[in-house]
Protein backbone atom coordinates (compact mmCIF):
# COMPACT_ATOMS: atom_id res chain seq x y z
CA UNK A 1 0.00 0.00 0.00
CA UNK A 2 1.32 3.38 -0.92
CA UNK A 3 0.68 6.59 0.93
CA UNK A 4 -2.12 8.78 -0.33
CA UNK A 5 -2.30 12.54 -0.52
CA UNK A 6 -5.92 12.65 0.68
CA UNK A 7 -6.47 14.50 3.96
CA UNK A 8 -7.30 12.30 6.92
CA UNK A 9 -10.87 12.84 8.09
CA UNK A 10 -11.82 11.80 11.59
CA UNK A 11 -15.33 11.76 12.97
CA UNK A 12 -15.57 12.65 16.63
CA UNK A 13 -17.98 14.33 19.02
CA UNK A 14 -16.70 17.82 18.25
CA UNK A 15 -17.45 17.60 14.52
CA UNK A 16 -20.51 15.37 14.67
CA UNK A 17 -23.75 16.88 13.39
CA UNK A 18 -25.86 18.01 16.39
CA UNK A 19 -28.94 16.44 14.81
CA UNK A 20 -27.25 13.05 15.03
CA UNK A 21 -26.41 13.63 18.69
CA UNK A 22 -30.05 14.47 19.49
CA UNK A 23 -31.52 11.62 17.44
CA UNK A 24 -33.82 9.17 19.19
CA UNK A 25 -34.90 5.74 18.01
CA UNK A 26 -38.43 4.55 18.69
CA UNK A 27 -38.49 0.79 19.27
CA UNK A 28 -41.59 -0.83 17.82
CA UNK A 29 -43.00 -4.22 17.07
CA UNK A 30 -43.85 -7.42 18.89
CA UNK A 31 -40.98 -7.14 21.36
CA UNK A 32 -42.26 -3.84 22.73
CA UNK A 33 -45.84 -5.10 22.85
CA UNK A 34 -44.73 -8.12 24.89
CA UNK A 35 -42.61 -5.95 27.19
CA UNK A 36 -45.63 -3.76 27.95
CA UNK A 37 -47.71 -6.85 28.69
CA UNK A 38 -45.06 -8.11 31.11
CA UNK A 39 -44.85 -4.74 32.85
CA UNK A 40 -48.63 -4.80 33.38
CA UNK A 41 -48.46 -8.33 34.78
CA UNK A 42 -45.69 -7.39 37.21
CA UNK A 43 -47.61 -4.31 38.38
CA UNK A 44 -50.57 -6.48 39.48
C-alpha atoms as a PDB file:
ATOM      1  CA  UNK A   1       0.000   0.000   0.000  1.00  0.00           C
ATOM      2  CA  UNK A   2       1.320   3.384  -0.919  1.00  0.00           C
ATOM      3  CA  UNK A   3       0.681   6.593   0.929  1.00  0.00           C
ATOM      4  CA  UNK A   4      -2.120   8.783  -0.330  1.00  0.00           C
ATOM      5  CA  UNK A   5      -2.300  12.535  -0.525  1.00  0.00           C
ATOM      6  CA  UNK A   6      -5.919  12.651   0.676  1.00  0.00           C
ATOM      7  CA  UNK A   7      -6.467  14.502   3.960  1.00  0.00           C
ATOM      8  CA  UNK A   8      -7.296  12.296   6.921  1.00  0.00           C
ATOM      9  CA  UNK A   9     -10.874  12.842   8.089  1.00  0.00           C
ATOM     10  CA  UNK A  10     -11.818  11.805  11.594  1.00  0.00           C
ATOM     11  CA  UNK A  11     -15.326  11.760  12.968  1.00  0.00           C
ATOM     12  CA  UNK A  12     -15.569  12.645  16.633  1.00  0.00           C
ATOM     13  CA  UNK A  13     -17.980  14.328  19.016  1.00  0.00           C
ATOM     14  CA  UNK A  14     -16.700  17.821  18.253  1.00  0.00           C
ATOM     15  CA  UNK A  15     -17.446  17.604  14.518  1.00  0.00           C
ATOM     16  CA  UNK A  16     -20.514  15.369  14.665  1.00  0.00           C
ATOM     17  CA  UNK A  17     -23.752  16.879  13.386  1.00  0.00           C
ATOM     18  CA  UNK A  18     -25.857  18.013  16.389  1.00  0.00           C
ATOM     19  CA  UNK A  19     -28.943  16.444  14.809  1.00  0.00           C
ATOM     20  CA  UNK A  20     -27.250  13.051  15.027  1.00  0.00           C
ATOM     21  CA  UNK A  21     -26.406  13.632  18.693  1.00  0.00           C
ATOM     22  CA  UNK A  22     -30.051  14.474  19.489  1.00  0.00           C
ATOM     23  CA  UNK A  23     -31.522  11.622  17.444  1.00  0.00           C
ATOM     24  CA  UNK A  24     -33.822   9.172  19.189  1.00  0.00           C
ATOM     25  CA  UNK A  25     -34.898   5.743  18.005  1.00  0.00           C
ATOM     26  CA  UNK A  26     -38.428   4.546  18.685  1.00  0.00           C
ATOM     27  CA  UNK A  27     -38.494   0.793  19.274  1.00  0.00           C
ATOM     28  CA  UNK A  28     -41.589  -0.831  17.824  1.00  0.00           C
ATOM     29  CA  UNK A  29     -43.001  -4.215  17.073  1.00  0.00           C
ATOM     30  CA  UNK A  30     -43.853  -7.424  18.892  1.00  0.00           C
ATOM     31  CA  UNK A  31     -40.982  -7.144  21.360  1.00  0.00           C
ATOM     32  CA  UNK A  32     -42.263  -3.840  22.728  1.00  0.00           C
ATOM     33  CA  UNK A  33     -45.839  -5.104  22.853  1.00  0.00           C
ATOM     34  CA  UNK A  34     -44.734  -8.122  24.892  1.00  0.00           C
ATOM     35  CA  UNK A  35     -42.612  -5.945  27.189  1.00  0.00           C
ATOM     36  CA  UNK A  36     -45.626  -3.755  27.952  1.00  0.00           C
ATOM     37  CA  UNK A  37     -47.707  -6.849  28.695  1.00  0.00           C
ATOM     38  CA  UNK A  38     -45.058  -8.114  31.107  1.00  0.00           C
ATOM     39  CA  UNK A  39     -44.848  -4.741  32.851  1.00  0.00           C
ATOM     40  CA  UNK A  40     -48.627  -4.803  33.379  1.00  0.00           C
ATOM     41  CA  UNK A  41     -48.462  -8.333  34.778  1.00  0.00           C
ATOM     42  CA  UNK A  42     -45.689  -7.390  37.205  1.00  0.00           C
ATOM     43  CA  UNK A  43     -47.607  -4.314  38.383  1.00  0.00           C
ATOM     44  CA  UNK A  44     -50.570  -6.484  39.476  1.00  0.00           C
END
